[in-house]
Amino acid sequence: MGNEFSGANAIWVQTEKQNYFEGDMVNGTIYLNAISPFQCRGLYIEVHGEERTHWTETETYTEGDQTRTRTIQHHGHREFFNVRVQVYNFGGGVQPGQYAFPFSFHLPAGLPGVFEAQHGDARASIRYRITSECDVKGFWNTDIKHTQFMVVRQRLMKPIMAAKLECHQKITKCCCINKGNADLKVHLDKDSYAPGETCQIMCEIVNNSEESLSQVKVQLMRKIELKSNGYKRHYISDVVARNDYSGLGPNESRTGQGALILPLALNMPGQSPSVQSQLINCEYYVDVEFKTDSVFMSNLDVKVPATIYAPQPPPENFYQQLPPGFQPQMMGAFNVSIPQGAIPPPQQQQGYAPQQQYAPQQNQPQYGAPQPQYGNEKQPLMQQQQPQPQYNQ
């Protein structure tokens, strides 16, 4: 900021924090440093949230007696909100001086969290930004702008708790020769994790078959569904974390105190949390697979849904250091009204229909406290009484 403010007319927008949850109140300030006078139609702020998807597909078609291929581009774009408000009218011209314009707005409830993913040529993103702008008069003059991207997190909709899934399966060869049965119960210490944590997996298994289940593969799988504005869909599935363990022999059981303990470290730098929106759906699940030694034998496989959430950032204010000697005049505060709009439903665990949001206990991973729901608001609010600037001499 100091470099940008050092030699020319400049503007800077800054929120008091960098990380927010949907439904939070956002407070910030627009700083304007006018080194020389200039003609200005007004000072504006724009608050914008959007999601985008893109991927390509190769299609084969016949033209006459020749077979040809073509590449089809698929795009998806949706705005959650896009509000532009004039926050100050300088009466046509800005005189040299230093100014600060406080602002605030509520993020709509139900917003999806920020998201970035790329797999091959497929891309998906959810982003939020604030832009401040001095609309400079004159065809050849350049507007004075600055943009800050915001980190908005999606809330968990239920308390973190243990997860359990079980199955009873026949062990068969060549799909039809019965080799016996196996019963598997998979316990996870939690159903929601932050990146960097370790998923503790306990498996109770009774192998009443003639086959050895000597290999165990545990994985955290990610499944992404992308949609385009043309109602096309694209699916991505990949492995985020994996560990291999030894299993058990034929007609062997591991239950109670002898159950298998299979920890899985979730070292997943750069991976986005679970998210659900209109164009992007990112889900995770823990896959536990017991593999037989023989060929053409069926395996024992259980998939347990899990949520990956962004950890609560430390409670520190996010302030950019002002340049030496920068002492702006504080102008009147204004409020920007963000319409609720058609926000997608919040993420839900399979088979769970929450009625409210939950705040974490103290010293537990935090994912936002509940906030009131805000009604639909049609028009942005502007500061009604704007003080006249007192220019520095």
Protein backbone atom coordinates (compact mmCIF):
# COMPACT_ATOMS: atom_id res chain seq x y z
CA MET A 1 0.00 0.00 0.00
CA GLY A 2 2.84 2.35 0.79
CA ASN A 3 4.30 1.98 -2.70
CA GLU A 4 0.92 2.51 -4.37
CA PHE A 5 0.34 5.64 -2.29
CA SER A 6 3.76 7.15 -2.82
CA GLY A 7 3.64 9.01 -6.14
CA ALA A 8 0.17 9.25 -7.70
CA ASN A 9 -3.53 9.45 -6.93
CA ALA A 10 -4.45 6.04 -5.49
CA ILE A 11 -7.24 4.15 -3.77
CA TRP A 12 -7.23 1.12 -1.47
CA VAL A 13 -10.08 -1.04 -0.13
CA GLN A 14 -9.53 -3.18 2.93
CA THR A 15 -11.72 -5.26 5.21
CA GLU A 16 -10.98 -5.67 8.91
CA LYS A 17 -10.53 -9.42 8.41
CA GLN A 18 -9.57 -11.62 5.49
CA ASN A 19 -11.72 -14.65 6.40
CA TYR A 20 -15.51 -14.67 6.84
CA PHE A 21 -18.40 -17.10 7.10
CA GLU A 22 -21.62 -16.78 5.15
CA GLY A 23 -24.03 -14.61 7.12
CA ASP A 24 -21.23 -12.56 8.75
CA MET A 25 -21.08 -8.78 8.98
CA VAL A 26 -18.20 -7.36 6.91
CA ASN A 27 -16.63 -4.06 7.99
CA GLY A 28 -13.98 -2.29 5.98
CA THR A 29 -12.56 1.03 4.80
CA ILE A 30 -11.84 2.66 1.46
CA TYR A 31 -8.70 4.83 1.61
CA LEU A 32 -8.16 7.58 -0.95
CA ASN A 33 -4.91 9.46 -1.35
CA ALA A 34 -5.30 12.42 -3.71
CA ILE A 35 -1.85 13.78 -4.61
CA SER A 36 -3.17 16.12 -7.28
CA PRO A 37 -6.68 17.39 -8.12
CA PHE A 38 -8.77 15.43 -10.64
CA GLN A 39 -12.31 15.40 -12.02
CA CYS A 40 -14.42 12.58 -10.59
CA ARG A 41 -18.02 11.44 -11.15
CA GLY A 42 -18.09 9.69 -7.76
CA LEU A 43 -16.58 7.10 -5.44
CA TYR A 44 -18.06 3.59 -5.87
CA ILE A 45 -17.85 0.21 -4.20
CA GLU A 46 -18.72 -3.08 -5.88
CA VAL A 47 -19.30 -6.31 -3.95
CA HIS A 48 -19.31 -9.42 -6.11
CA GLY A 49 -19.65 -13.19 -5.63
CA GLU A 50 -19.66 -15.78 -8.41
CA GLU A 51 -18.97 -19.38 -9.40
CA ARG A 52 -17.48 -20.57 -12.69
CA THR A 53 -16.93 -23.94 -14.38
CA HIS A 54 -15.20 -24.96 -17.60
CA TRP A 55 -14.24 -28.17 -19.35
CA THR A 56 -13.85 -29.54 -22.89
CA GLU A 57 -15.16 -32.70 -24.52
CA THR A 58 -14.11 -34.40 -27.74
CA GLU A 59 -16.97 -35.58 -29.92
CA THR A 60 -16.75 -37.93 -32.92
CA TYR A 61 -19.15 -37.41 -35.81
CA THR A 62 -19.57 -38.56 -39.40
CA GLU A 63 -19.50 -36.16 -42.32
CA GLY A 64 -20.19 -37.90 -45.59
CA ASP A 65 -17.96 -40.95 -45.66
CA GLN A 66 -15.40 -39.47 -43.23
CA THR A 67 -15.20 -39.66 -39.45
CA ARG A 68 -14.19 -36.41 -37.81
CA THR A 69 -13.67 -35.13 -34.27
CA ARG A 70 -14.40 -31.75 -32.74
CA THR A 71 -13.78 -30.16 -29.39
CA ILE A 72 -16.74 -28.71 -27.50
CA GLN A 73 -16.22 -26.08 -24.81
CA HIS A 74 -18.57 -26.16 -21.81
CA HIS A 75 -18.90 -23.14 -19.52
CA GLY A 76 -20.89 -22.35 -16.41
CA HIS A 77 -21.21 -18.95 -14.75
CA ARG A 78 -23.50 -17.80 -11.96
CA GLU A 79 -23.46 -14.66 -9.83
CA PHE A 80 -24.58 -14.92 -6.22
CA PHE A 81 -24.74 -11.12 -6.05
CA ASN A 82 -23.23 -8.13 -7.84
CA VAL A 83 -23.93 -4.83 -6.08
CA ARG A 84 -22.41 -1.51 -7.14
CA VAL A 85 -23.10 1.56 -4.98
CA GLN A 86 -21.99 5.17 -5.16
CA VAL A 87 -20.75 5.92 -1.68
CA TYR A 88 -19.63 9.52 -2.13
CA ASN A 89 -20.14 12.40 -4.56
CA PHE A 90 -17.27 14.87 -4.63
CA GLY A 91 -19.32 17.42 -6.57
CA GLY A 92 -17.34 16.92 -9.77
CA GLY A 93 -13.78 17.30 -8.52
CA VAL A 94 -11.42 15.89 -5.90
CA GLN A 95 -8.89 18.18 -4.25
CA PRO A 96 -5.60 16.94 -2.76
CA GLY A 97 -6.10 15.22 0.57
CA GLN A 98 -6.27 11.94 2.42
CA TYR A 99 -9.66 10.33 3.06
CA ALA A 100 -11.10 7.20 4.66
CA PHE A 101 -14.65 5.91 3.96
CA PRO A 102 -15.84 3.18 6.37
CA PHE A 103 -18.39 0.69 4.98
CA SER A 104 -20.24 -2.42 6.09
CA PHE A 105 -22.50 -5.11 4.66
CA HIS A 106 -23.97 -8.50 5.59
CA LEU A 107 -22.96 -11.52 3.56
CA PRO A 108 -26.11 -13.47 2.61
CA ALA A 109 -26.74 -16.65 4.56
CA GLY A 110 -26.30 -19.91 2.67
CA LEU A 111 -23.38 -18.84 0.48
CA PRO A 112 -20.99 -21.61 -0.64
CA GLY A 113 -17.39 -21.30 0.48
CA VAL A 114 -14.49 -20.25 -1.74
CA PHE A 115 -13.35 -23.04 -4.02
CA GLU A 116 -10.58 -23.68 -6.54
CA ALA A 117 -10.04 -26.93 -8.43
CA GLN A 118 -8.35 -27.94 -11.67
CA HIS A 119 -8.15 -31.43 -13.16
CA GLY A 120 -6.73 -31.61 -16.67
CA ASP A 121 -8.55 -28.95 -18.67
CA ALA A 122 -11.48 -28.91 -16.25
CA ARG A 123 -11.61 -25.89 -13.90
CA ALA A 124 -13.98 -24.70 -11.20
CA SER A 125 -13.94 -21.74 -8.86
CA ILE A 126 -16.04 -19.84 -6.33
CA ARG A 127 -14.74 -16.34 -5.57
CA TYR A 128 -15.74 -13.17 -3.74
CA ARG A 129 -14.26 -9.72 -4.22
CA ILE A 130 -14.67 -6.07 -3.24
CA THR A 131 -13.66 -3.31 -5.67
CA SER A 132 -13.36 0.39 -4.89
CA GLU A 133 -13.32 2.86 -7.78
CA CYS A 134 -13.02 6.56 -8.42
CA ASP A 135 -14.87 7.17 -11.69
CA VAL A 136 -12.53 9.69 -13.31
CA LYS A 137 -13.99 12.06 -15.90
CA GLY A 138 -12.51 12.25 -19.38
CA PHE A 139 -12.34 9.79 -22.27
CA TRP A 140 -8.57 9.32 -22.03
CA ASN A 141 -8.40 9.24 -18.24
CA THR A 142 -8.10 5.95 -16.37
CA ASP A 143 -10.37 5.18 -13.43
CA ILE A 144 -8.60 4.69 -10.10
CA LYS A 145 -9.39 1.18 -8.82
CA HIS A 146 -8.35 -1.42 -6.27
CA THR A 147 -9.74 -4.94 -5.67
CA GLN A 148 -9.53 -7.18 -2.60
CA PHE A 149 -10.54 -10.84 -2.75
CA MET A 150 -12.39 -12.17 0.30
CA VAL A 151 -12.24 -15.66 1.78
CA VAL A 152 -15.80 -16.79 2.55
CA ARG A 153 -16.25 -20.15 4.29
CA GLN A 154 -19.26 -22.46 4.22
CA ARG A 155 -20.67 -23.49 7.59
CA LEU A 156 -20.99 -27.00 8.91
CA MET A 157 -24.65 -27.72 9.55
CA LYS A 158 -24.33 -30.23 12.42
CA PRO A 159 -21.97 -30.99 15.29
CA ILE A 160 -18.91 -33.08 14.52
CA MET A 161 -19.51 -36.65 15.67
CA ALA A 162 -18.34 -40.20 15.03
CA ALA A 163 -19.35 -42.06 11.87
CA LYS A 164 -20.10 -45.74 11.33
CA LEU A 165 -20.98 -47.93 8.36
CA GLU A 166 -21.22 -51.70 8.03
CA CYS A 167 -21.81 -54.29 5.34
CA HIS A 168 -22.43 -58.02 4.92
CA GLN A 169 -21.07 -59.42 1.67
CA LYS A 170 -20.58 -62.73 -0.10
CA ILE A 171 -17.06 -63.53 -1.24
CA THR A 172 -17.39 -64.99 -4.72
CA LYS A 173 -15.11 -66.19 -7.50
CA CYS A 174 -15.93 -65.39 -11.11
CA CYS A 175 -19.10 -63.66 -9.83
CA CYS A 176 -20.93 -66.90 -9.05
CA ILE A 177 -18.82 -69.37 -7.01
CA ASN A 178 -19.59 -68.77 -3.33
CA LYS A 179 -16.52 -68.82 -1.07
CA GLY A 180 -18.31 -67.72 2.10
CA ASN A 181 -19.32 -64.45 3.74
CA ALA A 182 -17.60 -61.51 5.42
CA ASP A 183 -18.98 -58.90 7.82
CA LEU A 184 -17.28 -55.49 8.11
CA LYS A 185 -17.97 -52.56 10.45
CA VAL A 186 -16.02 -49.34 9.78
CA HIS A 187 -15.86 -46.69 12.54
CA LEU A 188 -14.47 -43.18 11.98
CA ASP A 189 -13.57 -41.08 15.01
CA LYS A 190 -15.23 -38.08 13.29
CA ASP A 191 -17.41 -37.36 10.28
CA SER A 192 -15.73 -34.00 9.53
CA TYR A 193 -12.04 -33.13 9.27
CA ALA A 194 -9.78 -30.20 8.53
CA PRO A 195 -6.79 -30.68 6.19
CA GLY A 196 -3.74 -31.86 8.12
CA GLU A 197 -5.72 -33.90 10.66
CA THR A 198 -5.54 -37.70 10.91
CA CYS A 199 -8.63 -39.80 10.33
CA GLN A 200 -8.67 -42.65 12.85
CA ILE A 201 -10.32 -45.69 11.25
CA MET A 202 -11.28 -48.78 13.25
CA CYS A 203 -12.40 -51.91 11.38
CA GLU A 204 -14.19 -54.85 12.99
CA ILE A 205 -14.24 -57.72 10.51
CA VAL A 206 -15.40 -61.35 10.59
CA ASN A 207 -14.10 -63.31 7.61
CA ASN A 208 -16.23 -66.47 7.32
CA SER A 209 -14.80 -67.33 3.92
CA GLU A 210 -12.15 -69.61 2.45
CA GLU A 211 -10.26 -66.64 1.06
CA SER A 212 -7.62 -64.48 2.68
CA LEU A 213 -8.32 -60.73 2.88
CA SER A 214 -4.66 -59.95 3.34
CA GLN A 215 -4.52 -56.40 1.92
CA VAL A 216 -6.35 -53.34 3.21
CA LYS A 217 -6.40 -50.10 1.25
CA VAL A 218 -7.76 -46.94 2.91
CA GLN A 219 -8.22 -43.79 0.87
CA LEU A 220 -9.77 -40.35 1.09
CA MET A 221 -11.57 -39.92 -2.21
CA ARG A 222 -12.77 -36.67 -3.75
CA LYS A 223 -15.72 -36.52 -6.13
CA ILE A 224 -16.53 -33.29 -7.98
CA GLU A 225 -19.58 -32.68 -10.15
CA LEU A 226 -19.46 -29.66 -12.48
CA LYS A 227 -22.43 -28.22 -14.36
CA SER A 228 -22.59 -25.82 -17.27
CA ASN A 229 -25.20 -23.21 -18.09
CA GLY A 230 -26.27 -25.58 -20.86
CA TYR A 231 -27.19 -28.28 -18.28
CA LYS A 232 -24.22 -30.49 -19.18
CA ARG A 233 -22.38 -32.33 -16.38
CA HIS A 234 -18.78 -33.34 -15.88
CA TYR A 235 -17.46 -35.65 -13.14
CA ILE A 236 -14.02 -35.77 -11.53
CA SER A 237 -12.89 -38.46 -9.09
CA ASP A 238 -9.43 -38.66 -7.57
CA VAL A 239 -7.49 -39.96 -4.56
CA VAL A 240 -6.47 -37.31 -2.03
CA ALA A 241 -4.75 -39.51 0.60
CA ARG A 242 -3.96 -43.24 0.83
CA ASN A 243 -2.44 -45.84 3.18
CA ASP A 244 -2.01 -49.64 2.78
CA TYR A 245 -2.18 -52.13 5.66
CA SER A 246 -2.08 -55.88 6.27
CA GLY A 247 -5.43 -57.64 6.62
CA LEU A 248 -6.39 -61.10 7.87
CA GLY A 249 -6.52 -64.72 6.76
CA PRO A 250 -9.39 -67.08 5.90
CA ASN A 251 -11.92 -67.78 8.67
CA GLU A 252 -10.26 -65.15 10.87
CA SER A 253 -11.92 -62.38 12.90
CA ARG A 254 -10.69 -59.04 14.26
CA THR A 255 -13.26 -57.56 16.62
CA GLY A 256 -13.41 -55.74 19.97
CA GLN A 257 -9.95 -55.14 21.39
CA GLY A 258 -8.45 -56.90 18.38
CA ALA A 259 -10.05 -54.62 15.81
CA LEU A 260 -7.80 -53.21 13.09
CA ILE A 261 -6.71 -49.58 13.65
CA LEU A 262 -5.95 -47.89 10.32
CA PRO A 263 -5.00 -44.21 10.64
CA LEU A 264 -5.10 -42.04 7.51
CA ALA A 265 -3.19 -38.73 7.53
CA LEU A 266 -5.10 -36.09 5.55
CA ASN A 267 -2.10 -34.30 4.11
CA MET A 268 -3.90 -32.47 1.33
CA PRO A 269 -2.27 -29.11 0.58
CA GLY A 270 -4.12 -27.06 -2.00
CA GLN A 271 -7.30 -29.14 -1.78
CA SER A 272 -10.55 -27.20 -1.40
CA PRO A 273 -13.10 -28.07 1.31
CA SER A 274 -16.42 -29.76 0.68
CA VAL A 275 -18.82 -27.42 -1.08
CA GLN A 276 -22.30 -27.50 -2.57
CA SER A 277 -23.58 -24.88 -4.98
CA GLN A 278 -25.65 -24.74 -8.14
CA LEU A 279 -22.77 -25.42 -10.53
CA ILE A 280 -20.20 -27.14 -8.26
CA ASN A 281 -20.59 -30.06 -5.87
CA CYS A 282 -17.46 -31.36 -4.12
CA GLU A 283 -17.81 -34.36 -1.79
CA TYR A 284 -15.34 -36.55 0.07
CA TYR A 285 -15.58 -40.09 1.42
CA VAL A 286 -13.30 -42.56 3.17
CA ASP A 287 -12.94 -45.77 1.15
CA VAL A 288 -11.92 -48.92 3.05
CA GLU A 289 -11.25 -51.93 0.80
CA PHE A 290 -10.22 -55.45 1.87
CA LYS A 291 -8.65 -57.21 -1.10
CA THR A 292 -8.38 -60.95 -1.69
CA ASP A 293 -5.19 -62.65 -2.87
CA SER A 294 -6.77 -64.68 -5.67
CA VAL A 295 -7.68 -63.41 -9.12
CA PHE A 296 -11.31 -63.07 -10.19
CA MET A 297 -12.33 -62.75 -6.53
CA SER A 298 -14.69 -60.10 -5.19
CA ASN A 299 -13.36 -57.59 -2.66
CA LEU A 300 -14.93 -56.16 0.47
CA ASP A 301 -15.45 -52.42 0.09
CA VAL A 302 -17.09 -49.76 2.33
CA LYS A 303 -17.35 -46.03 1.57
CA VAL A 304 -18.06 -43.66 4.48
CA PRO A 305 -19.04 -40.04 3.62
CA ALA A 306 -16.86 -37.37 5.28
CA THR A 307 -16.86 -33.58 5.22
CA ILE A 308 -13.63 -31.63 4.72
CA TYR A 309 -13.90 -28.12 6.15
CA ALA A 310 -11.56 -25.16 6.25
CA PRO A 311 -10.05 -24.60 9.72
CA GLN A 312 -10.99 -21.45 11.63
CA PRO A 313 -8.28 -18.83 11.08
CA PRO A 314 -6.66 -17.24 14.14
CA PRO A 315 -8.67 -14.34 15.62
CA GLU A 316 -6.40 -11.62 14.28
CA ASN A 317 -7.38 -8.44 12.50
CA PHE A 318 -6.19 -8.11 8.94
CA TYR A 319 -4.82 -4.60 8.65
CA GLN A 320 -2.51 -3.32 5.94
CA GLN A 321 0.06 -0.98 7.41
CA LEU A 322 -0.57 2.60 6.29
CA PRO A 323 2.34 4.54 4.83
CA PRO A 324 4.22 6.91 7.13
CA GLY A 325 2.46 10.21 7.56
CA PHE A 326 -0.84 8.95 6.12
CA GLN A 327 -3.53 10.46 8.37
CA PRO A 328 -6.81 10.32 6.47
CA GLN A 329 -9.91 12.33 7.28
CA MET A 330 -12.66 9.92 8.37
CA MET A 331 -15.83 10.38 6.31
CA GLY A 332 -19.32 9.18 7.20
CA ALA A 333 -19.89 5.43 7.34
CA PHE A 334 -22.24 3.82 4.84
CA ASN A 335 -24.02 0.47 4.54
CA VAL A 336 -24.28 -1.66 1.40
CA SER A 337 -27.30 -3.96 1.20
CA ILE A 338 -26.56 -7.32 -0.43
CA PRO A 339 -29.74 -9.04 -1.67
CA GLN A 340 -30.36 -12.55 -0.39
CA GLY A 341 -31.04 -13.81 -3.92
CA ALA A 342 -31.36 -17.44 -4.95
CA ILE A 343 -28.70 -18.95 -2.70
CA PRO A 344 -28.27 -22.75 -3.00
CA PRO A 345 -29.20 -24.91 0.00
CA PRO A 346 -26.41 -25.53 2.54
CA GLN A 347 -24.41 -28.72 2.43
CA GLN A 348 -26.00 -31.68 4.20
CA GLN A 349 -24.74 -35.07 5.17
CA GLN A 350 -26.54 -37.98 3.52
CA GLY A 351 -29.77 -38.75 5.34
CA TYR A 352 -29.49 -35.71 7.60
CA ALA A 353 -31.90 -32.78 7.49
CA PRO A 354 -30.61 -30.11 9.90
CA GLN A 355 -32.87 -27.38 11.21
CA GLN A 356 -30.23 -25.01 12.54
CA GLN A 357 -26.54 -24.23 12.45
CA TYR A 358 -24.23 -25.23 15.28
CA ALA A 359 -21.37 -23.36 16.89
CA PRO A 360 -18.37 -25.37 18.11
CA GLN A 361 -17.37 -25.74 21.69
CA GLN A 362 -14.45 -23.75 23.03
CA ASN A 363 -11.02 -25.06 22.01
CA GLN A 364 -12.60 -27.19 19.29
CA PRO A 365 -12.14 -26.60 15.54
CA GLN A 366 -14.37 -23.65 14.75
CA TYR A 367 -16.53 -23.24 11.72
CA GLY A 368 -18.59 -20.19 12.46
CA ALA A 369 -21.30 -19.26 14.92
CA PRO A 370 -24.97 -19.15 13.87
CA GLN A 371 -26.21 -15.93 12.38
CA PRO A 372 -29.74 -14.64 11.84
CA GLN A 373 -31.37 -15.08 8.45
CA TYR A 374 -31.77 -11.91 6.46
CA GLY A 375 -34.78 -11.15 4.34
CA ASN A 376 -34.76 -10.32 0.67
CA GLU A 377 -33.70 -6.74 0.07
CA LYS A 378 -34.34 -5.31 -3.36
CA GLN A 379 -32.34 -2.10 -3.46
CA PRO A 380 -28.89 -1.26 -2.04
CA LEU A 381 -28.87 1.26 0.77
CA MET A 382 -26.72 4.35 0.41
CA GLN A 383 -25.49 6.82 2.92
CA GLN A 384 -28.25 9.41 3.19
CA GLN A 385 -26.26 12.26 4.67
CA GLN A 386 -22.80 12.61 3.21
CA PRO A 387 -20.44 15.05 4.90
CA GLN A 388 -18.51 17.39 2.67
CA PRO A 389 -14.77 16.69 2.57
CA GLN A 390 -12.42 19.06 4.34
CA TYR A 391 -9.44 19.26 2.07
CA ASN A 392 -5.97 19.28 3.50
CA GLN A 393 -4.07 22.45 2.90
